[in-house]
Amino acid sequence: MHFSQHVLTQDLYPLGLGYYAAALGHAMTREFHDDHLLIYCVKGRGLLKVGPRRGYLKAGQLVLLPRGLAHNYASDAADPWTI
């Protein structure tokens, strides 16, 4: 049985993943997205903005952005993140 069909995992399996090493210039803006996004910062830092709130995502931290939440983020120019 495929993960997408099992009652325990049908909403929990990843649709995609990526790895961005020392990602100088990496940035994303989403007004709307139709899936949940989990970002784990391995090294460096990046700026995250969600509505009026903003802060840095640093090495060892992770953030979960729920479906439909407008956001933008960018790797720090002086200390680019690896996510």
C-alpha atoms as a PDB file:
ATOM      1  CA  MET A   1       0.000   0.000   0.000  1.00  0.00           C
ATOM      2  CA  HIS A   2       1.268   3.470  -0.890  1.00  0.00           C
ATOM      3  CA  PHE A   3       1.702   6.120   1.871  1.00  0.00           C
ATOM      4  CA  SER A   4      -0.911   8.305   0.177  1.00  0.00           C
ATOM      5  CA  GLN A   5      -3.535   5.590   0.639  1.00  0.00           C
ATOM      6  CA  HIS A   6      -2.884   4.531   4.241  1.00  0.00           C
ATOM      7  CA  VAL A   7      -5.062   6.158   6.910  1.00  0.00           C
ATOM      8  CA  LEU A   8      -2.059   6.922   9.166  1.00  0.00           C
ATOM      9  CA  THR A   9       0.138   8.493   6.498  1.00  0.00           C
ATOM     10  CA  GLN A  10      -2.159   9.855   3.793  1.00  0.00           C
ATOM     11  CA  ASP A  11      -1.582  13.457   4.936  1.00  0.00           C
ATOM     12  CA  LEU A  12       1.980  13.061   6.206  1.00  0.00           C
ATOM     13  CA  TYR A  13       4.200  11.975   3.359  1.00  0.00           C
ATOM     14  CA  PRO A  14       6.546  14.474   1.665  1.00  0.00           C
ATOM     15  CA  LEU A  15       5.683  15.782  -1.780  1.00  0.00           C
ATOM     16  CA  GLY A  16       9.126  17.230  -2.373  1.00  0.00           C
ATOM     17  CA  LEU A  17      12.376  18.070  -0.674  1.00  0.00           C
ATOM     18  CA  GLY A  18      15.454  20.074  -1.364  1.00  0.00           C
ATOM     19  CA  TYR A  19      18.916  20.834  -0.054  1.00  0.00           C
ATOM     20  CA  TYR A  20      20.463  24.257  -0.452  1.00  0.00           C
ATOM     21  CA  ALA A  21      24.113  24.391   0.661  1.00  0.00           C
ATOM     22  CA  ALA A  22      25.530  27.821   1.566  1.00  0.00           C
ATOM     23  CA  ALA A  23      22.670  29.245  -0.493  1.00  0.00           C
ATOM     24  CA  LEU A  24      23.826  32.803  -1.107  1.00  0.00           C
ATOM     25  CA  GLY A  25      21.014  34.711  -2.823  1.00  0.00           C
ATOM     26  CA  HIS A  26      18.376  32.041  -2.110  1.00  0.00           C
ATOM     27  CA  ALA A  27      14.989  33.711  -1.574  1.00  0.00           C
ATOM     28  CA  MET A  28      11.314  32.849  -1.931  1.00  0.00           C
ATOM     29  CA  THR A  29       8.032  34.764  -1.724  1.00  0.00           C
ATOM     30  CA  ARG A  30       4.704  32.964  -1.590  1.00  0.00           C
ATOM     31  CA  GLU A  31       1.348  34.667  -1.343  1.00  0.00           C
ATOM     32  CA  PHE A  32      -0.309  31.254  -1.182  1.00  0.00           C
ATOM     33  CA  HIS A  33       0.884  27.677  -1.197  1.00  0.00           C
ATOM     34  CA  ASP A  34      -1.191  24.529  -1.015  1.00  0.00           C
ATOM     35  CA  ASP A  35       1.034  22.363   1.156  1.00  0.00           C
ATOM     36  CA  HIS A  36       2.822  22.545   4.495  1.00  0.00           C
ATOM     37  CA  LEU A  37       6.477  23.582   4.370  1.00  0.00           C
ATOM     38  CA  LEU A  38       9.119  22.492   6.871  1.00  0.00           C
ATOM     39  CA  ILE A  39      12.468  24.292   6.758  1.00  0.00           C
ATOM     40  CA  TYR A  40      15.416  23.082   8.835  1.00  0.00           C
ATOM     41  CA  CYS A  41      18.497  25.300   8.990  1.00  0.00           C
ATOM     42  CA  VAL A  42      21.702  23.274   9.224  1.00  0.00           C
ATOM     43  CA  LYS A  43      24.173  26.153   9.040  1.00  0.00           C
ATOM     44  CA  GLY A  44      24.171  29.949   8.675  1.00  0.00           C
ATOM     45  CA  ARG A  45      20.951  31.960   8.894  1.00  0.00           C
ATOM     46  CA  GLY A  46      18.142  33.495   6.899  1.00  0.00           C
ATOM     47  CA  LEU A  47      15.412  36.081   7.386  1.00  0.00           C
ATOM     48  CA  LEU A  48      11.822  34.839   7.576  1.00  0.00           C
ATOM     49  CA  LYS A  49       8.770  37.118   7.273  1.00  0.00           C
ATOM     50  CA  VAL A  50       5.230  35.981   8.000  1.00  0.00           C
ATOM     51  CA  GLY A  51       2.699  38.816   7.958  1.00  0.00           C
ATOM     52  CA  PRO A  52       3.980  41.611  10.201  1.00  0.00           C
ATOM     53  CA  ARG A  53       6.344  39.238  12.032  1.00  0.00           C
ATOM     54  CA  ARG A  54       9.948  38.772  11.044  1.00  0.00           C
ATOM     55  CA  GLY A  55      12.942  37.021  12.492  1.00  0.00           C
ATOM     56  CA  TYR A  56      16.007  34.966  11.726  1.00  0.00           C
ATOM     57  CA  LEU A  57      16.064  31.231  11.242  1.00  0.00           C
ATOM     58  CA  LYS A  58      19.459  30.060  12.501  1.00  0.00           C
ATOM     59  CA  ALA A  59      21.498  26.850  12.512  1.00  0.00           C
ATOM     60  CA  GLY A  60      19.744  24.129  14.498  1.00  0.00           C
ATOM     61  CA  GLN A  61      16.293  25.703  14.180  1.00  0.00           C
ATOM     62  CA  LEU A  62      13.328  24.657  12.128  1.00  0.00           C
ATOM     63  CA  VAL A  63      10.053  26.254  11.156  1.00  0.00           C
ATOM     64  CA  LEU A  64       6.771  24.807   9.929  1.00  0.00           C
ATOM     65  CA  LEU A  65       4.772  27.051   7.612  1.00  0.00           C
ATOM     66  CA  PRO A  66       1.184  25.804   7.345  1.00  0.00           C
ATOM     67  CA  ARG A  67      -0.666  25.529   4.063  1.00  0.00           C
ATOM     68  CA  GLY A  68      -2.046  28.848   2.830  1.00  0.00           C
ATOM     69  CA  LEU A  69       0.165  31.071   5.010  1.00  0.00           C
ATOM     70  CA  ALA A  70       1.743  33.913   3.001  1.00  0.00           C
ATOM     71  CA  HIS A  71       5.460  34.241   3.728  1.00  0.00           C
ATOM     72  CA  ASN A  72       8.848  35.126   2.367  1.00  0.00           C
ATOM     73  CA  TYR A  73      12.350  34.168   3.319  1.00  0.00           C
ATOM     74  CA  ALA A  74      15.893  34.840   2.193  1.00  0.00           C
ATOM     75  CA  SER A  75      19.346  33.575   2.982  1.00  0.00           C
ATOM     76  CA  ASP A  76      21.546  36.027   4.889  1.00  0.00           C
ATOM     77  CA  ALA A  77      24.152  37.725   2.683  1.00  0.00           C
ATOM     78  CA  ALA A  78      26.900  37.655   5.349  1.00  0.00           C
ATOM     79  CA  ASP A  79      26.150  34.131   6.671  1.00  0.00           C
ATOM     80  CA  PRO A  80      24.157  32.245   4.004  1.00  0.00           C
ATOM     81  CA  TRP A  81      22.123  29.364   5.261  1.00  0.00           C
ATOM     82  CA  THR A  82      22.254  25.713   4.426  1.00  0.00           C
ATOM     83  CA  ILE A  83      18.716  24.346   4.575  1.00  0.00           C
END
